[in-house]
């Protein structure tokens, strides 16, 4: 089956797979699905599993996937034209 490139306004456009299949720098074939790997969540690792190349974990932001995040609060005064960050949440002494 022949592959064709597309030209638009004098430039080659379209899927890069038309021009070159995924390959290594030496020209060998690459299986794209096997080459993609995800790093583990650093917050689930034990202390002896963490290395200098481990990505930084969430320190004080907590788990962003939780469902009990507080979304209500007290509207602050003096925010002017601000559209975000105008609600105060948490203990107010």
C-alpha atoms as a PDB file:
ATOM      1  CA  UNK A   1       0.000   0.000   0.000  1.00  0.00           C
ATOM      2  CA  UNK A   2       1.452   3.328  -1.016  1.00  0.00           C
ATOM      3  CA  UNK A   3       1.632   6.220   1.415  1.00  0.00           C
ATOM      4  CA  UNK A   4       1.246   9.771   0.262  1.00  0.00           C
ATOM      5  CA  UNK A   5       2.289  12.998   1.876  1.00  0.00           C
ATOM      6  CA  UNK A   6       0.047  16.015   1.847  1.00  0.00           C
ATOM      7  CA  UNK A   7       1.145  19.424   0.639  1.00  0.00           C
ATOM      8  CA  UNK A   8      -0.637  22.546   1.685  1.00  0.00           C
ATOM      9  CA  UNK A   9       0.549  26.003   0.607  1.00  0.00           C
ATOM     10  CA  UNK A  10       3.921  24.540  -0.405  1.00  0.00           C
ATOM     11  CA  UNK A  11       4.581  22.771   2.906  1.00  0.00           C
ATOM     12  CA  UNK A  12       4.412  19.100   3.868  1.00  0.00           C
ATOM     13  CA  UNK A  13       1.615  18.611   6.390  1.00  0.00           C
ATOM     14  CA  UNK A  14      -0.007  15.608   7.995  1.00  0.00           C
ATOM     15  CA  UNK A  15       0.856  12.659  10.176  1.00  0.00           C
ATOM     16  CA  UNK A  16       4.588  12.217  10.814  1.00  0.00           C
ATOM     17  CA  UNK A  17       4.128   8.455  10.385  1.00  0.00           C
ATOM     18  CA  UNK A  18       3.749   9.058   6.668  1.00  0.00           C
ATOM     19  CA  UNK A  19       7.302  10.358   6.462  1.00  0.00           C
ATOM     20  CA  UNK A  20       9.093   8.113   8.966  1.00  0.00           C
ATOM     21  CA  UNK A  21       7.939   5.272  11.201  1.00  0.00           C
ATOM     22  CA  UNK A  22       9.075   5.485  14.850  1.00  0.00           C
ATOM     23  CA  UNK A  23      12.725   4.445  14.995  1.00  0.00           C
ATOM     24  CA  UNK A  24      15.874   4.566  17.102  1.00  0.00           C
ATOM     25  CA  UNK A  25      18.827   6.797  16.279  1.00  0.00           C
ATOM     26  CA  UNK A  26      20.489   3.808  14.587  1.00  0.00           C
ATOM     27  CA  UNK A  27      17.443   3.188  12.387  1.00  0.00           C
ATOM     28  CA  UNK A  28      15.984   0.222  14.274  1.00  0.00           C
ATOM     29  CA  UNK A  29      12.245  -0.250  14.756  1.00  0.00           C
ATOM     30  CA  UNK A  30      10.595   0.893  18.000  1.00  0.00           C
ATOM     31  CA  UNK A  31       7.506  -0.545  19.635  1.00  0.00           C
ATOM     32  CA  UNK A  32       5.870   2.639  20.915  1.00  0.00           C
ATOM     33  CA  UNK A  33       3.545   0.921  23.408  1.00  0.00           C
ATOM     34  CA  UNK A  34       6.455  -0.844  25.123  1.00  0.00           C
ATOM     35  CA  UNK A  35       8.664   2.264  25.245  1.00  0.00           C
ATOM     36  CA  UNK A  36       6.198   4.347  27.299  1.00  0.00           C
ATOM     37  CA  UNK A  37       6.497   3.832  31.055  1.00  0.00           C
ATOM     38  CA  UNK A  38       5.001   5.696  33.978  1.00  0.00           C
ATOM     39  CA  UNK A  39       6.860   6.434  37.169  1.00  0.00           C
ATOM     40  CA  UNK A  40       5.173   5.408  40.443  1.00  0.00           C
ATOM     41  CA  UNK A  41       3.492   8.000  42.649  1.00  0.00           C
ATOM     42  CA  UNK A  42       6.259   9.220  45.029  1.00  0.00           C
ATOM     43  CA  UNK A  43       3.763   9.468  47.905  1.00  0.00           C
ATOM     44  CA  UNK A  44       3.185   5.696  47.791  1.00  0.00           C
ATOM     45  CA  UNK A  45       6.892   4.796  48.014  1.00  0.00           C
ATOM     46  CA  UNK A  46       8.621   3.768  51.230  1.00  0.00           C
ATOM     47  CA  UNK A  47      11.694   5.657  52.429  1.00  0.00           C
ATOM     48  CA  UNK A  48      14.137   3.032  51.159  1.00  0.00           C
ATOM     49  CA  UNK A  49      12.568   3.115  47.668  1.00  0.00           C
ATOM     50  CA  UNK A  50      13.187   6.848  47.196  1.00  0.00           C
ATOM     51  CA  UNK A  51      16.307   7.744  45.219  1.00  0.00           C
ATOM     52  CA  UNK A  52      17.806  11.074  44.101  1.00  0.00           C
ATOM     53  CA  UNK A  53      16.096  10.608  40.723  1.00  0.00           C
ATOM     54  CA  UNK A  54      12.620  10.174  42.272  1.00  0.00           C
ATOM     55  CA  UNK A  55      10.262  13.030  41.421  1.00  0.00           C
ATOM     56  CA  UNK A  56       9.175  15.319  44.259  1.00  0.00           C
ATOM     57  CA  UNK A  57       6.149  14.305  46.268  1.00  0.00           C
ATOM     58  CA  UNK A  58       3.271  16.409  47.512  1.00  0.00           C
ATOM     59  CA  UNK A  59       4.319  17.823  50.862  1.00  0.00           C
ATOM     60  CA  UNK A  60       1.561  19.960  52.280  1.00  0.00           C
ATOM     61  CA  UNK A  61      -1.015  20.054  49.492  1.00  0.00           C
ATOM     62  CA  UNK A  62      -2.501  16.710  50.496  1.00  0.00           C
ATOM     63  CA  UNK A  63      -4.128  14.334  48.065  1.00  0.00           C
ATOM     64  CA  UNK A  64      -5.696  16.231  45.134  1.00  0.00           C
ATOM     65  CA  UNK A  65      -7.898  13.221  44.334  1.00  0.00           C
ATOM     66  CA  UNK A  66      -9.846  13.357  47.571  1.00  0.00           C
ATOM     67  CA  UNK A  67     -13.553  14.170  47.431  1.00  0.00           C
ATOM     68  CA  UNK A  68     -13.897  16.094  50.707  1.00  0.00           C
ATOM     69  CA  UNK A  69     -12.071  19.275  49.654  1.00  0.00           C
ATOM     70  CA  UNK A  70     -13.607  22.378  51.220  1.00  0.00           C
ATOM     71  CA  UNK A  71     -15.057  24.718  48.610  1.00  0.00           C
ATOM     72  CA  UNK A  72     -16.918  27.238  50.784  1.00  0.00           C
ATOM     73  CA  UNK A  73     -15.636  30.028  52.987  1.00  0.00           C
ATOM     74  CA  UNK A  74     -15.846  33.714  53.818  1.00  0.00           C
ATOM     75  CA  UNK A  75     -15.394  36.339  51.080  1.00  0.00           C
ATOM     76  CA  UNK A  76     -12.400  38.553  51.858  1.00  0.00           C
ATOM     77  CA  UNK A  77     -12.571  42.315  51.814  1.00  0.00           C
ATOM     78  CA  UNK A  78     -10.225  44.494  49.773  1.00  0.00           C
ATOM     79  CA  UNK A  79      -9.637  42.155  46.855  1.00  0.00           C
ATOM     80  CA  UNK A  80     -10.453  44.790  44.246  1.00  0.00           C
ATOM     81  CA  UNK A  81     -10.728  43.372  40.751  1.00  0.00           C
ATOM     82  CA  UNK A  82      -9.489  39.902  41.759  1.00  0.00           C
ATOM     83  CA  UNK A  83     -11.503  37.046  40.301  1.00  0.00           C
ATOM     84  CA  UNK A  84      -9.699  34.145  41.972  1.00  0.00           C
ATOM     85  CA  UNK A  85      -8.533  33.583  45.506  1.00  0.00           C
ATOM     86  CA  UNK A  86     -11.120  35.822  47.145  1.00  0.00           C
ATOM     87  CA  UNK A  87     -12.492  33.214  49.581  1.00  0.00           C
ATOM     88  CA  UNK A  88     -10.961  32.539  53.011  1.00  0.00           C
ATOM     89  CA  UNK A  89     -11.054  28.917  54.137  1.00  0.00           C
ATOM     90  CA  UNK A  90      -9.896  27.488  57.412  1.00  0.00           C
ATOM     91  CA  UNK A  91      -9.790  28.633  61.031  1.00  0.00           C
ATOM     92  CA  UNK A  92     -10.150  32.376  61.424  1.00  0.00           C
ATOM     93  CA  UNK A  93      -9.054  33.696  64.770  1.00  0.00           C
END
